[in-house]
C-alpha atoms as a PDB file:
ATOM      1  CA  MET A   1       0.000   0.000   0.000  1.00  0.00           C
ATOM      2  CA  ILE A   2       2.806   2.432   0.904  1.00  0.00           C
ATOM      3  CA  GLU A   3       4.672   1.560  -2.277  1.00  0.00           C
ATOM      4  CA  ARG A   4       1.578   2.091  -4.426  1.00  0.00           C
ATOM      5  CA  ALA A   5       1.020   5.493  -2.837  1.00  0.00           C
ATOM      6  CA  GLY A   6       4.648   6.413  -3.442  1.00  0.00           C
ATOM      7  CA  LEU A   7       4.440   5.377  -7.079  1.00  0.00           C
ATOM      8  CA  ALA A   8       1.279   7.420  -7.554  1.00  0.00           C
ATOM      9  CA  LEU A   9       3.085  10.498  -6.203  1.00  0.00           C
ATOM     10  CA  LEU A  10       6.115   9.883  -8.419  1.00  0.00           C
ATOM     11  CA  HIS A  11       3.885   9.620 -11.480  1.00  0.00           C
ATOM     12  CA  ARG A  12       2.701  13.171 -10.852  1.00  0.00           C
ATOM     13  CA  LEU A  13       6.246  14.392 -11.465  1.00  0.00           C
ATOM     14  CA  ASP A  14       8.188  14.776 -14.672  1.00  0.00           C
ATOM     15  CA  PRO A  15       9.624  11.276 -15.354  1.00  0.00           C
ATOM     16  CA  GLU A  16      13.279  12.268 -15.089  1.00  0.00           C
ATOM     17  CA  ARG A  17      12.678  14.225 -11.885  1.00  0.00           C
ATOM     18  CA  ALA A  18      10.732  11.271 -10.492  1.00  0.00           C
ATOM     19  CA  HIS A  19      13.676   9.033 -11.231  1.00  0.00           C
ATOM     20  CA  GLY A  20      15.956  11.326  -9.247  1.00  0.00           C
ATOM     21  CA  VAL A  21      13.506  11.364  -6.347  1.00  0.00           C
ATOM     22  CA  ALA A  22      13.351   7.558  -6.397  1.00  0.00           C
ATOM     23  CA  LEU A  23      17.145   7.312  -6.129  1.00  0.00           C
ATOM     24  CA  ALA A  24      17.139   9.839  -3.286  1.00  0.00           C
ATOM     25  CA  ALA A  25      14.453   7.829  -1.479  1.00  0.00           C
ATOM     26  CA  LEU A  26      16.526   4.689  -1.836  1.00  0.00           C
ATOM     27  CA  ASN A  27      19.545   6.414  -0.348  1.00  0.00           C
ATOM     28  CA  ALA A  28      17.362   7.688   2.490  1.00  0.00           C
ATOM     29  CA  GLY A  29      16.568   4.103   3.439  1.00  0.00           C
ATOM     30  CA  LEU A  30      13.070   3.874   1.991  1.00  0.00           C
ATOM     31  CA  GLY A  31      13.664   0.849  -0.242  1.00  0.00           C
ATOM     32  CA  PRO A  32      13.328  -2.895   0.403  1.00  0.00           C
ATOM     33  CA  ARG A  33      15.842  -4.282   2.866  1.00  0.00           C
ATOM     34  CA  GLY A  34      15.462  -8.061   2.794  1.00  0.00           C
ATOM     35  CA  GLY A  35      18.345  -8.817   0.438  1.00  0.00           C
ATOM     36  CA  PRO A  36      18.390 -11.177  -2.537  1.00  0.00           C
ATOM     37  CA  VAL A  37      15.689 -13.825  -2.720  1.00  0.00           C
ATOM     38  CA  THR A  38      17.259 -17.240  -3.111  1.00  0.00           C
ATOM     39  CA  SER A  39      16.676 -20.992  -3.013  1.00  0.00           C
ATOM     40  CA  PRO A  40      18.492 -24.084  -4.318  1.00  0.00           C
ATOM     41  CA  ARG A  41      16.416 -23.826  -7.515  1.00  0.00           C
ATOM     42  CA  LEU A  42      17.110 -20.123  -8.015  1.00  0.00           C
ATOM     43  CA  ARG A  43      20.849 -20.236  -7.399  1.00  0.00           C
ATOM     44  CA  THR A  44      22.640 -20.181 -10.721  1.00  0.00           C
ATOM     45  CA  THR A  45      25.820 -19.161 -12.515  1.00  0.00           C
ATOM     46  CA  LEU A  46      26.268 -16.674 -15.327  1.00  0.00           C
ATOM     47  CA  ALA A  47      29.635 -16.503 -17.085  1.00  0.00           C
ATOM     48  CA  GLY A  48      31.303 -17.792 -13.933  1.00  0.00           C
ATOM     49  CA  LEU A  49      29.393 -15.478 -11.582  1.00  0.00           C
ATOM     50  CA  ASP A  50      27.551 -17.179  -8.727  1.00  0.00           C
ATOM     51  CA  LEU A  51      24.107 -15.596  -8.401  1.00  0.00           C
ATOM     52  CA  PRO A  52      21.532 -16.115  -5.633  1.00  0.00           C
ATOM     53  CA  ASN A  53      18.825 -15.739  -8.272  1.00  0.00           C
ATOM     54  CA  PRO A  54      18.760 -14.925 -12.000  1.00  0.00           C
ATOM     55  CA  VAL A  55      16.783 -11.656 -11.735  1.00  0.00           C
ATOM     56  CA  GLY A  56      19.021  -8.654 -12.338  1.00  0.00           C
ATOM     57  CA  LEU A  57      18.716  -4.880 -12.534  1.00  0.00           C
ATOM     58  CA  ALA A  58      19.397  -3.556 -16.030  1.00  0.00           C
ATOM     59  CA  ALA A  59      21.717  -0.640 -16.720  1.00  0.00           C
ATOM     60  CA  GLY A  60      20.191   2.835 -16.729  1.00  0.00           C
ATOM     61  CA  PHE A  61      18.431   2.845 -13.384  1.00  0.00           C
ATOM     62  CA  ASP A  62      21.569   3.756 -11.438  1.00  0.00           C
ATOM     63  CA  LYS A  63      23.600   5.435 -14.159  1.00  0.00           C
ATOM     64  CA  ASN A  64      26.196   6.941 -11.836  1.00  0.00           C
ATOM     65  CA  ALA A  65      26.515   4.186  -9.203  1.00  0.00           C
ATOM     66  CA  THR A  66      25.057   6.444  -6.515  1.00  0.00           C
ATOM     67  CA  ALA A  67      22.701   3.892  -4.922  1.00  0.00           C
ATOM     68  CA  LEU A  68      24.774   0.713  -4.789  1.00  0.00           C
ATOM     69  CA  ALA A  69      24.300  -0.037  -1.091  1.00  0.00           C
ATOM     70  CA  PRO A  70      20.484   0.240  -0.992  1.00  0.00           C
ATOM     71  CA  LEU A  71      20.138  -1.618  -4.295  1.00  0.00           C
ATOM     72  CA  ALA A  72      22.267  -4.445  -2.886  1.00  0.00           C
ATOM     73  CA  ARG A  73      19.676  -4.814  -0.102  1.00  0.00           C
ATOM     74  CA  THR A  74      16.861  -5.442  -2.593  1.00  0.00           C
ATOM     75  CA  ALA A  75      15.832  -8.856  -3.916  1.00  0.00           C
ATOM     76  CA  PHE A  76      17.900  -8.613  -7.121  1.00  0.00           C
ATOM     77  CA  GLY A  77      20.399 -11.371  -7.816  1.00  0.00           C
ATOM     78  CA  PHE A  78      22.825  -9.006  -9.575  1.00  0.00           C
ATOM     79  CA  LEU A  79      23.102  -5.350 -10.564  1.00  0.00           C
ATOM     80  CA  GLU A  80      24.314  -3.447 -13.610  1.00  0.00           C
ATOM     81  CA  VAL A  81      25.045   0.283 -13.388  1.00  0.00           C
ATOM     82  CA  GLY A  82      26.018   2.881 -15.994  1.00  0.00           C
ATOM     83  CA  ALA A  83      26.499   3.491 -18.832  1.00  0.00           C
ATOM     84  CA  ALA A  84      29.793   5.211 -18.087  1.00  0.00           C
ATOM     85  CA  THR A  85      31.809   7.180 -20.627  1.00  0.00           C
ATOM     86  CA  PRO A  86      35.417   8.390 -20.327  1.00  0.00           C
ATOM     87  CA  ARG A  87      34.436  12.039 -19.852  1.00  0.00           C
ATOM     88  CA  PRO A  88      31.306  13.350 -18.126  1.00  0.00           C
ATOM     89  CA  GLN A  89      28.596  14.386 -20.534  1.00  0.00           C
ATOM     90  CA  PRO A  90      25.149  15.952 -20.102  1.00  0.00           C
ATOM     91  CA  GLY A  91      23.366  13.809 -22.681  1.00  0.00           C
ATOM     92  CA  ASN A  92      20.588  15.009 -24.915  1.00  0.00           C
ATOM     93  CA  PRO A  93      18.353  18.021 -24.160  1.00  0.00           C
ATOM     94  CA  ARG A  94      15.335  17.586 -21.883  1.00  0.00           C
ATOM     95  CA  PRO A  95      12.656  16.334 -21.989  1.00  0.00           C
ATOM     96  CA  ARG A  96      14.221  12.990 -22.848  1.00  0.00           C
ATOM     97  CA  LEU A  97      12.226  10.455 -20.829  1.00  0.00           C
ATOM     98  CA  PHE A  98       8.542   9.699 -21.380  1.00  0.00           C
ATOM     99  CA  ARG A  99       6.121   7.374 -19.597  1.00  0.00           C
ATOM    100  CA  LEU A 100       3.732   5.527 -21.889  1.00  0.00           C
ATOM    101  CA  SER A 101       1.411   4.403 -19.099  1.00  0.00           C
ATOM    102  CA  GLU A 102      -1.281   3.055 -21.411  1.00  0.00           C
ATOM    103  CA  ASP A 103       1.336   0.771 -22.955  1.00  0.00           C
ATOM    104  CA  ALA A 104       3.245  -0.051 -19.726  1.00  0.00           C
ATOM    105  CA  ALA A 105       6.296   1.306 -21.529  1.00  0.00           C
ATOM    106  CA  ALA A 106       8.805   4.142 -21.666  1.00  0.00           C
ATOM    107  CA  ILE A 107      10.729   6.006 -24.333  1.00  0.00           C
ATOM    108  CA  ASN A 108      14.098   7.521 -23.507  1.00  0.00           C
ATOM    109  CA  ARG A 109      16.677   9.442 -25.467  1.00  0.00           C
ATOM    110  CA  PHE A 110      19.126  10.189 -22.665  1.00  0.00           C
ATOM    111  CA  GLY A 111      22.271   9.921 -24.774  1.00  0.00           C
ATOM    112  CA  PHE A 112      24.660   8.453 -22.165  1.00  0.00           C
ATOM    113  CA  ASN A 113      24.306  11.267 -19.633  1.00  0.00           C
ATOM    114  CA  ASN A 114      26.682  10.403 -16.783  1.00  0.00           C
ATOM    115  CA  ASP A 115      29.333  11.705 -14.393  1.00  0.00           C
ATOM    116  CA  GLY A 116      32.247  10.111 -16.272  1.00  0.00           C
ATOM    117  CA  MET A 117      34.409   7.098 -15.523  1.00  0.00           C
ATOM    118  CA  GLU A 118      36.588   8.676 -12.816  1.00  0.00           C
ATOM    119  CA  ALA A 119      33.660   9.647 -10.586  1.00  0.00           C
ATOM    120  CA  ILE A 120      31.892   6.343 -11.188  1.00  0.00           C
ATOM    121  CA  ALA A 121      35.059   4.344 -10.504  1.00  0.00           C
ATOM    122  CA  ALA A 122      35.455   6.129  -7.167  1.00  0.00           C
ATOM    123  CA  ARG A 123      31.930   5.113  -6.147  1.00  0.00           C
ATOM    124  CA  LEU A 124      32.419   1.546  -7.329  1.00  0.00           C
ATOM    125  CA  ALA A 125      35.605   1.333  -5.266  1.00  0.00           C
ATOM    126  CA  SER A 126      33.485   1.545  -2.105  1.00  0.00           C
ATOM    127  CA  ARG A 127      30.760  -0.790  -3.367  1.00  0.00           C
ATOM    128  CA  PRO A 128      29.066  -3.205  -0.968  1.00  0.00           C
ATOM    129  CA  ALA A 129      30.377  -6.752  -0.792  1.00  0.00           C
ATOM    130  CA  GLY A 130      28.334  -9.842  -1.523  1.00  0.00           C
ATOM    131  CA  MET A 131      26.486  -8.687  -4.642  1.00  0.00           C
ATOM    132  CA  ALA A 132      27.581  -9.193  -8.262  1.00  0.00           C
ATOM    133  CA  ILE A 133      27.826  -5.693  -9.751  1.00  0.00           C
ATOM    134  CA  GLY A 134      28.584  -4.909 -13.376  1.00  0.00           C
ATOM    135  CA  LEU A 135      29.168  -1.743 -15.367  1.00  0.00           C
ATOM    136  CA  ASN A 136      27.728  -0.796 -18.730  1.00  0.00           C
ATOM    137  CA  LEU A 137      30.473   0.720 -20.894  1.00  0.00           C
ATOM    138  CA  GLY A 138      29.706   3.633 -23.211  1.00  0.00           C
ATOM    139  CA  ALA A 139      31.422   6.093 -25.525  1.00  0.00           C
ATOM    140  CA  ASN A 140      31.444   9.876 -25.551  1.00  0.00           C
ATOM    141  CA  LYS A 141      29.246  11.423 -28.226  1.00  0.00           C
ATOM    142  CA  ASP A 142      32.084  13.608 -29.555  1.00  0.00           C
ATOM    143  CA  SER A 143      34.859  11.037 -29.226  1.00  0.00           C
ATOM    144  CA  ALA A 144      37.357  10.724 -32.052  1.00  0.00           C
ATOM    145  CA  ASP A 145      37.674   6.985 -31.307  1.00  0.00           C
ATOM    146  CA  ARG A 146      34.548   5.526 -29.782  1.00  0.00           C
ATOM    147  CA  ALA A 147      35.914   1.986 -29.867  1.00  0.00           C
ATOM    148  CA  GLU A 148      38.833   3.078 -27.700  1.00  0.00           C
ATOM    149  CA  ASP A 149      36.428   4.704 -25.226  1.00  0.00           C
ATOM    150  CA  PHE A 150      35.001   1.329 -24.198  1.00  0.00           C
ATOM    151  CA  ALA A 151      38.458  -0.033 -23.405  1.00  0.00           C
ATOM    152  CA  ARG A 152      39.385   3.133 -21.462  1.00  0.00           C
ATOM    153  CA  VAL A 153      36.319   2.875 -19.244  1.00  0.00           C
ATOM    154  CA  LEU A 154      37.022  -0.785 -18.551  1.00  0.00           C
ATOM    155  CA  THR A 155      40.657  -0.074 -17.677  1.00  0.00           C
ATOM    156  CA  THR A 156      39.582   2.595 -15.179  1.00  0.00           C
ATOM    157  CA  CYS A 157      36.534   0.920 -13.644  1.00  0.00           C
ATOM    158  CA  GLY A 158      37.324  -2.756 -14.201  1.00  0.00           C
ATOM    159  CA  PRO A 159      39.140  -3.311 -10.897  1.00  0.00           C
ATOM    160  CA  HIS A 160      35.911  -2.495  -9.027  1.00  0.00           C
ATOM    161  CA  VAL A 161      33.286  -4.556 -10.902  1.00  0.00           C
ATOM    162  CA  ASP A 162      32.378  -8.206 -11.441  1.00  0.00           C
ATOM    163  CA  PHE A 163      31.471  -7.887 -15.127  1.00  0.00           C
ATOM    164  CA  ALA A 164      31.407  -5.250 -17.845  1.00  0.00           C
ATOM    165  CA  THR A 165      28.936  -4.800 -20.696  1.00  0.00           C
ATOM    166  CA  VAL A 166      29.841  -3.324 -24.074  1.00  0.00           C
ATOM    167  CA  ASN A 167      26.876  -1.174 -25.089  1.00  0.00           C
ATOM    168  CA  VAL A 168      26.878  -0.527 -28.840  1.00  0.00           C
ATOM    169  CA  SER A 169      23.109  -0.928 -29.104  1.00  0.00           C
ATOM    170  CA  SER A 170      21.728   2.277 -27.620  1.00  0.00           C
ATOM    171  CA  PRO A 171      19.772   4.175 -30.293  1.00  0.00           C
ATOM    172  CA  ASN A 172      20.345   7.520 -28.571  1.00  0.00           C
ATOM    173  CA  THR A 173      23.943   8.280 -29.580  1.00  0.00           C
ATOM    174  CA  GLU A 174      24.253   9.027 -33.284  1.00  0.00           C
ATOM    175  CA  LYS A 175      25.852   6.215 -35.306  1.00  0.00           C
ATOM    176  CA  LEU A 176      26.628   4.164 -32.177  1.00  0.00           C
ATOM    177  CA  ARG A 177      24.704   1.182 -33.539  1.00  0.00           C
ATOM    178  CA  ASP A 178      27.016   1.234 -36.573  1.00  0.00           C
ATOM    179  CA  LEU A 179      29.545  -0.427 -34.261  1.00  0.00           C
ATOM    180  CA  GLN A 180      27.397  -3.594 -34.374  1.00  0.00           C
ATOM    181  CA  GLY A 181      28.681  -4.292 -37.909  1.00  0.00           C
ATOM    182  CA  PRO A 182      30.892  -7.412 -37.926  1.00  0.00           C
ATOM    183  CA  GLU A 183      34.215  -5.747 -38.741  1.00  0.00           C
ATOM    184  CA  ALA A 184      33.743  -2.760 -36.445  1.00  0.00           C
ATOM    185  CA  LEU A 185      32.405  -4.948 -33.638  1.00  0.00           C
ATOM    186  CA  SER A 186      35.245  -7.463 -33.914  1.00  0.00           C
ATOM    187  CA  ALA A 187      37.834  -4.700 -33.663  1.00  0.00           C
ATOM    188  CA  LEU A 188      36.042  -3.005 -30.776  1.00  0.00           C
ATOM    189  CA  LEU A 189      35.682  -6.235 -28.812  1.00  0.00           C
ATOM    190  CA  ALA A 190      39.325  -7.146 -29.407  1.00  0.00           C
ATOM    191  CA  GLY A 191      40.334  -3.868 -27.768  1.00  0.00           C
ATOM    192  CA  VAL A 192      37.971  -4.349 -24.833  1.00  0.00           C
ATOM    193  CA  LEU A 193      39.075  -7.941 -24.267  1.00  0.00           C
ATOM    194  CA  ALA A 194      42.719  -6.873 -24.343  1.00  0.00           C
ATOM    195  CA  ALA A 195      41.935  -4.230 -21.700  1.00  0.00           C
ATOM    196  CA  ARG A 196      40.104  -6.874 -19.667  1.00  0.00           C
ATOM    197  CA  ASP A 197      43.038  -9.277 -19.831  1.00  0.00           C
ATOM    198  CA  ALA A 198      45.354  -6.527 -18.541  1.00  0.00           C
ATOM    199  CA  LEU A 199      43.282  -5.982 -15.396  1.00  0.00           C
ATOM    200  CA  PRO A 200      44.665  -7.228 -12.065  1.00  0.00           C
ATOM    201  CA  ARG A 201      41.509  -9.371 -11.835  1.00  0.00           C
ATOM    202  CA  PRO A 202      40.055 -10.028 -15.316  1.00  0.00           C
ATOM    203  CA  VAL A 203      36.247  -9.932 -15.366  1.00  0.00           C
ATOM    204  CA  PRO A 204      33.651 -11.371 -17.754  1.00  0.00           C
ATOM    205  CA  VAL A 205      32.772  -9.135 -20.700  1.00  0.00           C
ATOM    206  CA  PHE A 206      29.185  -9.049 -21.957  1.00  0.00           C
ATOM    207  CA  LEU A 207      27.810  -7.560 -25.175  1.00  0.00           C
ATOM    208  CA  LYS A 208      24.407  -5.855 -25.301  1.00  0.00           C
ATOM    209  CA  ILE A 209      22.667  -6.008 -28.672  1.00  0.00           C
ATOM    210  CA  ALA A 210      19.708  -4.280 -30.304  1.00  0.00           C
ATOM    211  CA  PRO A 211      16.377  -6.031 -30.997  1.00  0.00           C
ATOM    212  CA  ASP A 212      16.148  -4.433 -34.443  1.00  0.00           C
ATOM    213  CA  LEU A 213      18.798  -6.574 -36.163  1.00  0.00           C
ATOM    214  CA  THR A 214      17.972  -8.576 -39.279  1.00  0.00           C
ATOM    215  CA  GLU A 215      18.647 -12.312 -39.366  1.00  0.00           C
ATOM    216  CA  ALA A 216      21.914 -11.706 -41.249  1.00  0.00           C
ATOM    217  CA  GLU A 217      22.971  -8.932 -38.877  1.00  0.00           C
ATOM    218  CA  LEU A 218      22.232 -11.095 -35.856  1.00  0.00           C
ATOM    219  CA  ALA A 219      24.370 -13.888 -37.283  1.00  0.00           C
ATOM    220  CA  GLY A 220      27.193 -11.409 -37.885  1.00  0.00           C
ATOM    221  CA  VAL A 221      26.991 -10.144 -34.312  1.00  0.00           C
ATOM    222  CA  ALA A 222      27.013 -13.687 -32.942  1.00  0.00           C
ATOM    223  CA  ASP A 223      30.146 -14.495 -34.943  1.00  0.00           C
ATOM    224  CA  ALA A 224      31.926 -11.294 -33.890  1.00  0.00           C
ATOM    225  CA  ALA A 225      30.983 -11.940 -30.248  1.00  0.00           C
ATOM    226  CA  ARG A 226      32.328 -15.476 -30.069  1.00  0.00           C
ATOM    227  CA  ASP A 227      34.982 -14.494 -27.507  1.00  0.00           C
ATOM    228  CA  VAL A 228      32.766 -12.527 -25.098  1.00  0.00           C
ATOM    229  CA  ASP A 229      31.461 -14.209 -21.967  1.00  0.00           C
ATOM    230  CA  ALA A 230      27.734 -13.510 -22.412  1.00  0.00           C
ATOM    231  CA  ILE A 231      25.322 -11.576 -24.619  1.00  0.00           C
ATOM    232  CA  ILE A 232      22.485  -9.386 -23.353  1.00  0.00           C
ATOM    233  CA  ALA A 233      19.404  -9.495 -25.592  1.00  0.00           C
ATOM    234  CA  THR A 234      18.152  -6.868 -25.932  1.00  0.00           C
ATOM    235  CA  ASN A 235      18.407  -3.106 -25.654  1.00  0.00           C
ATOM    236  CA  THR A 236      15.499  -0.789 -26.515  1.00  0.00           C
ATOM    237  CA  THR A 237      13.749  -0.753 -29.890  1.00  0.00           C
ATOM    238  CA  LEU A 238      12.982   1.894 -32.478  1.00  0.00           C
ATOM    239  CA  ASP A 239       9.697   0.172 -33.368  1.00  0.00           C
ATOM    240  CA  ARG A 240       6.424   1.860 -32.434  1.00  0.00           C
ATOM    241  CA  ASP A 241       3.959  -0.820 -33.556  1.00  0.00           C
ATOM    242  CA  GLY A 242       0.740  -1.019 -31.563  1.00  0.00           C
ATOM    243  CA  LEU A 243       1.360   1.894 -29.202  1.00  0.00           C
ATOM    244  CA  THR A 244      -1.560   3.984 -27.951  1.00  0.00           C
ATOM    245  CA  SER A 245       0.092   6.618 -25.750  1.00  0.00           C
ATOM    246  CA  ARG A 246       0.226  10.254 -26.822  1.00  0.00           C
ATOM    247  CA  HIS A 247       4.017  10.003 -26.466  1.00  0.00           C
ATOM    248  CA  ARG A 248       4.325   7.169 -28.996  1.00  0.00           C
ATOM    249  CA  ALA A 249       5.954   9.377 -31.657  1.00  0.00           C
ATOM    250  CA  GLU A 250       8.744  10.633 -29.405  1.00  0.00           C
ATOM    251  CA  ALA A 251      12.261   9.858 -30.636  1.00  0.00           C
ATOM    252  CA  GLY A 252      14.350   7.413 -28.642  1.00  0.00           C
ATOM    253  CA  GLY A 253      14.410   3.821 -27.516  1.00  0.00           C
ATOM    254  CA  LEU A 254      11.195   2.078 -26.495  1.00  0.00           C
ATOM    255  CA  SER A 255      11.252  -0.270 -23.498  1.00  0.00           C
ATOM    256  CA  GLY A 256       8.674  -2.124 -21.446  1.00  0.00           C
ATOM    257  CA  GLN A 257       5.798  -4.421 -22.377  1.00  0.00           C
ATOM    258  CA  PRO A 258       5.705  -3.708 -26.149  1.00  0.00           C
ATOM    259  CA  LEU A 259       9.271  -5.017 -26.385  1.00  0.00           C
ATOM    260  CA  PHE A 260       8.636  -8.399 -24.756  1.00  0.00           C
ATOM    261  CA  GLU A 261       7.693 -10.480 -27.802  1.00  0.00           C
ATOM    262  CA  LYS A 262      10.289  -8.972 -30.131  1.00  0.00           C
ATOM    263  CA  SER A 263      13.167  -9.180 -27.680  1.00  0.00           C
ATOM    264  CA  THR A 264      12.297 -12.754 -26.702  1.00  0.00           C
ATOM    265  CA  ARG A 265      12.186 -13.895 -30.327  1.00  0.00           C
ATOM    266  CA  THR A 266      15.585 -12.254 -30.890  1.00  0.00           C
ATOM    267  CA  LEU A 267      16.871 -14.062 -27.806  1.00  0.00           C
ATOM    268  CA  ALA A 268      15.607 -17.418 -29.066  1.00  0.00           C
ATOM    269  CA  ARG A 269      17.150 -16.894 -32.516  1.00  0.00           C
ATOM    270  CA  LEU A 270      20.440 -15.822 -30.976  1.00  0.00           C
ATOM    271  CA  SER A 271      20.517 -18.960 -28.825  1.00  0.00           C
ATOM    272  CA  THR A 272      20.781 -21.035 -32.018  1.00  0.00           C
ATOM    273  CA  LEU A 273      23.733 -18.960 -33.269  1.00  0.00           C
ATOM    274  CA  THR A 274      26.007 -18.906 -30.221  1.00  0.00           C
ATOM    275  CA  ASP A 275      27.065 -21.024 -27.293  1.00  0.00           C
ATOM    276  CA  ARG A 276      27.531 -17.937 -25.113  1.00  0.00           C
ATOM    277  CA  PRO A 277      25.146 -17.635 -22.139  1.00  0.00           C
ATOM    278  CA  LEU A 278      22.382 -15.107 -22.755  1.00  0.00           C
ATOM    279  CA  VAL A 279      20.682 -12.528 -20.553  1.00  0.00           C
ATOM    280  CA  GLY A 280      17.073 -11.790 -21.490  1.00  0.00           C
ATOM    281  CA  VAL A 281      15.917  -8.171 -21.252  1.00  0.00           C
ATOM    282  CA  GLY A 282      12.829  -6.411 -22.577  1.00  0.00           C
ATOM    283  CA  GLY A 283       9.347  -6.350 -21.086  1.00  0.00           C
ATOM    284  CA  VAL A 284      10.013  -8.457 -17.987  1.00  0.00           C
ATOM    285  CA  ALA A 285       7.338  -7.481 -15.458  1.00  0.00           C
ATOM    286  CA  THR A 286       6.118 -10.829 -14.094  1.00  0.00           C
ATOM    287  CA  ALA A 287       7.516 -14.164 -13.004  1.00  0.00           C
ATOM    288  CA  GLU A 288       5.855 -15.730 -16.030  1.00  0.00           C
ATOM    289  CA  GLN A 289       7.694 -13.368 -18.373  1.00  0.00           C
ATOM    290  CA  ALA A 290      11.034 -14.024 -16.662  1.00  0.00           C
ATOM    291  CA  TYR A 291      10.345 -17.755 -16.976  1.00  0.00           C
ATOM    292  CA  ALA A 292       9.464 -17.355 -20.666  1.00  0.00           C
ATOM    293  CA  LYS A 293      12.816 -15.627 -21.312  1.00  0.00           C
ATOM    294  CA  ILE A 294      14.646 -18.452 -19.558  1.00  0.00           C
ATOM    295  CA  ARG A 295      12.763 -21.132 -21.473  1.00  0.00           C
ATOM    296  CA  ALA A 296      13.505 -19.229 -24.707  1.00  0.00           C
ATOM    297  CA  GLY A 297      17.245 -19.440 -24.004  1.00  0.00           C
ATOM    298  CA  ALA A 298      18.237 -16.977 -21.269  1.00  0.00           C
ATOM    299  CA  SER A 299      20.394 -18.002 -18.332  1.00  0.00           C
ATOM    300  CA  ALA A 300      19.333 -14.853 -16.462  1.00  0.00           C
ATOM    301  CA  VAL A 301      17.064 -11.840 -16.977  1.00  0.00           C
ATOM    302  CA  GLN A 302      17.182  -8.114 -16.295  1.00  0.00           C
ATOM    303  CA  LEU A 303      14.467  -5.515 -15.832  1.00  0.00           C
ATOM    304  CA  TYR A 304      14.121  -1.764 -15.435  1.00  0.00           C
ATOM    305  CA  THR A 305      11.007  -0.179 -16.987  1.00  0.00           C
ATOM    306  CA  ALA A 306       8.638  -2.400 -14.987  1.00  0.00           C
ATOM    307  CA  LEU A 307      10.002  -0.804 -11.802  1.00  0.00           C
ATOM    308  CA  VAL A 308       8.432   2.487 -12.927  1.00  0.00           C
ATOM    309  CA  TYR A 309       4.990   0.877 -12.702  1.00  0.00           C
ATOM    310  CA  ASP A 310       5.445  -1.775 -10.006  1.00  0.00           C
ATOM    311  CA  GLY A 311       8.206  -0.509  -7.702  1.00  0.00           C
ATOM    312  CA  LEU A 312      11.220  -2.163  -6.121  1.00  0.00           C
ATOM    313  CA  SER A 313       9.147  -4.903  -4.494  1.00  0.00           C
ATOM    314  CA  LEU A 314       8.805  -6.354  -8.004  1.00  0.00           C
ATOM    315  CA  PRO A 315      12.110  -8.304  -8.162  1.00  0.00           C
ATOM    316  CA  SER A 316      11.124 -10.161  -4.993  1.00  0.00           C
ATOM    317  CA  ARG A 317       7.754 -11.124  -6.474  1.00  0.00           C
ATOM    318  CA  ILE A 318       9.380 -12.212  -9.733  1.00  0.00           C
ATOM    319  CA  ALA A 319      12.076 -14.305  -8.038  1.00  0.00           C
ATOM    320  CA  ARG A 320       9.610 -16.017  -5.697  1.00  0.00           C
ATOM    321  CA  GLY A 321       7.185 -16.641  -8.541  1.00  0.00           C
ATOM    322  CA  LEU A 322       9.972 -18.009 -10.702  1.00  0.00           C
ATOM    323  CA  ASP A 323      10.905 -20.431  -7.942  1.00  0.00           C
ATOM    324  CA  ARG A 324       7.309 -21.700  -7.862  1.00  0.00           C
ATOM    325  CA  LEU A 325       7.167 -22.063 -11.648  1.00  0.00           C
ATOM    326  CA  LEU A 326      10.402 -24.071 -11.734  1.00  0.00           C
ATOM    327  CA  ALA A 327       9.093 -26.350  -8.992  1.00  0.00           C
ATOM    328  CA  ARG A 328       5.730 -26.758 -10.734  1.00  0.00           C
ATOM    329  CA  ASP A 329       7.402 -27.979 -13.909  1.00  0.00           C
ATOM    330  CA  GLY A 330       9.839 -30.305 -12.163  1.00  0.00           C
ATOM    331  CA  PHE A 331      13.036 -28.298 -12.704  1.00  0.00           C
ATOM    332  CA  ASP A 332      15.619 -28.513  -9.948  1.00  0.00           C
ATOM    333  CA  SER A 333      17.510 -25.473 -11.212  1.00  0.00           C
ATOM    334  CA  VAL A 334      17.286 -22.479 -13.521  1.00  0.00           C
ATOM    335  CA  ALA A 335      19.880 -24.093 -15.771  1.00  0.00           C
ATOM    336  CA  GLU A 336      17.620 -27.081 -16.417  1.00  0.00           C
ATOM    337  CA  ALA A 337      14.903 -24.800 -17.826  1.00  0.00           C
ATOM    338  CA  VAL A 338      17.125 -22.764 -20.170  1.00  0.00           C
ATOM    339  CA  GLY A 339      16.012 -23.123 -23.786  1.00  0.00           C
ATOM    340  CA  THR A 340      13.265 -25.675 -23.198  1.00  0.00           C
ATOM    341  CA  ASP A 341      10.747 -23.577 -25.187  1.00  0.00           C
ATOM    342  CA  ARG A 342      13.191 -22.336 -27.827  1.00  0.00           C
ATOM    343  CA  ALA A 343      11.440 -24.160 -30.662  1.00  0.00           C
ATOM    344  CA  GLU A 344       8.096 -22.567 -29.866  1.00  0.00           C
ATOM    345  CA  TRP A 345       9.598 -19.077 -29.949  1.00  0.00           C
ATOM    346  CA  LEU A 346      11.411 -19.784 -33.207  1.00  0.00           C
ATOM    347  CA  ALA A 347       8.139 -20.902 -34.771  1.00  0.00           C
ATOM    348  CA  SER A 348       6.190 -17.833 -33.610  1.00  0.00           C
END
C-alpha cells in the first residue's frame, strides 16, 4: 500500500525528476531491505558469476553508481550500473524520458548522460560486498575513437566490478549502432578484451545487442561476439507498432511491455547462433515473463522499466514466482529450464 502510494506520487512528477527522487528515497533508506531472494532452484551461474537468483537490474536505473548499497539490499540477484563514458557528458536536451502508461512502456533518449568514468570508478571502489555488480560501458558522443572509449572505461573501472557490458546498441547516440557491424564490432571487442586481460583481476565481458537486427545482422553479431562471456538481448527498440500513448511518436528507444515479444524472439534466434550464455531483457514485469525468457534461451534476466509501474518490491515477487514455476514444472535449477521452449519461440 505504501509503495503504491509512493508510485502514484512519483507519477505526478516529470519522469526524469521522479527518477531522481526515487534514487534519493533509496539512499534515504526507503527501499526494500530483505536482500536477494534465493533458493536451491534459483541459485545459478552466469559466465562464472555465482548468483543467488537470476533476476538482475538492467543498466540505466543507477547510471552513476550512486545507490549501490540500498540496491544491494533489494531482492535482485545481480546489478548493472552505468552506462559510463570516459568524460562526463550531459546527454541530450530535456525532456528525454517519457512514460507511456497506457502501454506499460517508456521512451528515452538520454544519450549516455553520466558523471564520467573517474567519478563512477570512485563510487564503485566503495561498493558493498556480496552482490555481483557490473558496469555498462559507453562512448562519448564527440569522441574521435569511440571503440577506444570502451576499453578506457574498462581499464579505469574494471578493478571495481564483477562484469562489464559493451553497449553498442543504444539508439540515442548518433551512429553508435554502426559499431554492431561485424568488422567494427570485432575490432572493438578485441580492444575491450585486451583491456580486460590486462586488469589485475580479469572480469567477464558481456555484449548488449539491439532487438532491431535482421537475421543476417544477428548472425554477424554472434560471430563477432564469439569471444565474449555472455550476450544481453536486448536493448530498446525503435519500433512503435501497436502503441496507444500520446508520447508514442517521441524519438528514442522504447522499453517495457511492447518489447517483450520482439526481444524474446531475438533471444531465441540468438541462442541457435552462439554457445555464449544469454541474458534476457525487454518487457520483464512478471515471473511468467522471466520464466518465458529463460525457457527461450536466457540463463538470467534483467528488468528496469517495470520498476516504474510496479516498484522495487517487483524483483522479490518475480524471483519467488519463478521459484514456484520451476518447482511446478519439475526443474531442480534455472539451468535445467534454459532453452526448453526455444522451438516454440522460433516458430512464432
